[in-house]
Protein backbone atom coordinates (compact mmCIF):
# COMPACT_ATOMS: atom_id res chain seq x y z
CA MET A 1 -14.04 97.05 66.03
CA ARG A 2 -15.25 94.73 68.73
CA LYS A 3 -15.31 97.53 71.30
CA SER A 4 -17.37 99.83 69.06
CA PHE A 5 -19.82 97.00 68.37
CA LEU A 6 -20.29 96.50 72.12
CA ILE A 7 -20.86 100.20 72.65
CA VAL A 8 -23.46 100.41 69.87
CA PHE A 9 -25.16 97.22 71.08
CA SER A 10 -25.23 98.55 74.66
CA ILE A 11 -26.75 101.86 73.59
CA ALA A 12 -29.39 100.07 71.50
CA GLY A 13 -30.26 97.79 74.42
CA LEU A 14 -30.54 100.71 76.80
CA SER A 15 -32.80 102.53 74.36
CA LEU A 16 -35.13 99.53 74.18
CA MET A 17 -35.23 99.28 77.96
CA VAL A 18 -36.10 102.97 78.29
CA PHE A 19 -38.83 102.73 75.65
CA GLY A 20 -40.22 99.60 77.31
CA GLN A 21 -40.31 101.41 80.64
CA ASP A 22 -42.10 104.38 79.07
CA GLU A 23 -44.70 102.06 77.58
CA ALA A 24 -45.09 100.23 80.90
CA ASP A 25 -45.58 103.56 82.65
CA TYR A 26 -48.14 104.56 80.03
CA LYS A 27 -50.11 101.37 80.58
CA THR A 28 -50.09 102.03 84.33
CA TRP A 29 -51.39 105.55 83.76
CA MET A 30 -54.11 104.23 81.44
CA LYS A 31 -55.26 101.71 84.03
CA SER A 32 -55.53 104.47 86.64
CA VAL A 33 -57.99 106.53 84.57
CA PRO A 34 -61.23 104.50 84.93
CA PRO A 35 -61.10 104.33 88.75
CA LEU A 36 -60.38 108.06 88.96
CA VAL A 37 -63.21 108.90 86.55
CA GLY A 38 -65.53 106.64 88.56
CA ALA A 39 -64.52 108.27 91.84
CA ILE A 40 -65.09 111.73 90.38
CA ARG A 41 -68.46 110.71 88.91
CA ASN A 42 -69.64 109.18 92.18
CA ALA A 43 -68.42 111.97 94.45
CA PRO A 44 -71.26 114.14 95.77
CA ASP A 45 -69.34 117.32 94.90
CA ASN A 46 -66.50 118.07 92.53
CA ASP A 47 -63.70 115.84 93.78
CA SER A 48 -60.70 118.12 93.44
CA ALA A 49 -58.16 115.59 94.75
CA ASP A 50 -59.09 112.87 92.24
CA ALA A 51 -59.57 115.44 89.47
CA THR A 52 -56.08 116.79 90.15
CA LYS A 53 -54.64 113.25 90.03
CA LEU A 54 -56.46 112.69 86.74
CA SER A 55 -55.13 115.97 85.37
CA ASP A 56 -51.57 114.96 86.33
CA THR A 57 -52.05 111.58 84.66
CA PHE A 58 -53.21 113.16 81.40
CA ASP A 59 -50.26 115.55 81.57
CA LYS A 60 -47.88 112.56 81.74
CA MET A 61 -49.72 110.99 78.82
CA ALA A 62 -49.29 114.16 76.79
CA GLY A 63 -45.54 113.97 77.44
CA PHE A 64 -45.49 110.34 76.30
CA TRP A 65 -47.18 111.24 73.02
CA LYS A 66 -45.00 114.32 72.50
CA ALA A 67 -41.97 112.05 72.60
CA LYS A 68 -43.62 109.92 69.90
CA SER A 69 -44.50 113.02 67.79
CA ALA A 70 -48.19 112.08 67.78
CA SER A 71 -49.76 115.53 67.75
CA ASP A 72 -53.34 114.26 67.71
CA ALA A 73 -52.75 112.16 70.84
CA VAL A 74 -51.05 115.11 72.53
CA GLU A 75 -54.14 117.20 71.82
CA PHE A 76 -56.46 114.45 73.15
CA ALA A 77 -54.43 114.19 76.37
CA GLU A 78 -54.16 117.95 76.85
CA THR A 79 -57.89 118.47 76.26
CA ALA A 80 -58.68 115.74 78.81
CA ARG A 81 -56.14 117.26 81.22
CA ASP A 82 -57.77 120.67 80.92
CA ALA A 83 -61.24 119.18 81.52
CA ALA A 84 -59.94 117.43 84.67
CA LYS A 85 -58.41 120.73 85.83
CA ALA A 86 -61.78 122.40 85.27
CA ILE A 87 -63.47 119.79 87.45
CA ALA A 88 -60.85 120.34 90.16
CA ALA A 89 -61.60 124.06 89.98
CA GLY A 90 -65.32 123.46 90.49
CA ALA A 91 -66.57 123.65 86.90
CA ASP A 92 -69.34 121.52 85.35
CA LYS A 93 -68.47 117.97 86.43
CA ALA A 94 -70.84 116.10 84.10
CA GLY A 95 -69.91 118.10 81.01
CA ASN A 96 -66.19 117.85 81.65
CA LEU A 97 -66.39 114.10 82.32
CA GLN A 98 -68.12 113.74 78.94
CA LYS A 99 -65.32 115.75 77.36
CA ILE A 100 -62.71 113.50 79.00
CA GLN A 101 -64.43 110.34 77.83
CA ALA A 102 -64.71 111.70 74.28
CA GLN A 103 -60.96 112.35 74.24
CA CYS A 104 -60.25 108.87 75.58
CA GLY A 105 -62.43 107.25 72.91
CA ALA A 106 -60.86 109.26 70.09
CA CYS A 107 -57.34 108.42 71.24
CA HIS A 108 -58.17 104.73 71.62
CA ARG A 109 -59.56 104.61 68.08
CA ALA A 110 -56.46 106.28 66.69
CA HIS A 111 -53.69 104.74 68.79
CA ARG A 112 -54.83 101.42 70.23
CA GLU A 113 -55.11 98.08 68.49
CA GLY A 114 -55.90 94.54 69.54
CA ALA A 115 -58.40 93.28 72.05
CA ALA A 116 -58.58 93.25 75.82
CA PRO A 117 -56.54 92.40 77.76
CA ASP A 118 -53.79 92.50 75.12
CA PHE A 119 -54.19 96.01 73.71
CA LYS A 120 -51.15 97.39 71.91
CA ILE A 121 -50.13 101.00 71.36
CA LYS A 122 -49.90 101.95 67.69
């Protein structure tokens, strides 16, 4: 009995640590978005390196939301990812940046609560 309790408790603790790490990773990804968007916006041409980094970041975010079964957030992240890929490929920078920012705003309204700097994921 005692041994099975320890096993269950250990598994539960490990699960919480993994989830906490996922959320910490997500917050890191979120904090990387504004500087990348700014760098892309201020670049004289389409900045394919920063746009590719941004695309990769949104791809990771889509995976985070898939694991949480939040289909709307997955769609927001994938739409933003595709817009960043389009910028990297040389497509309309201004229009695709607007599309990215619209996705960010929609996701924040749906899945973020609290106030800066203590936002929480819902």
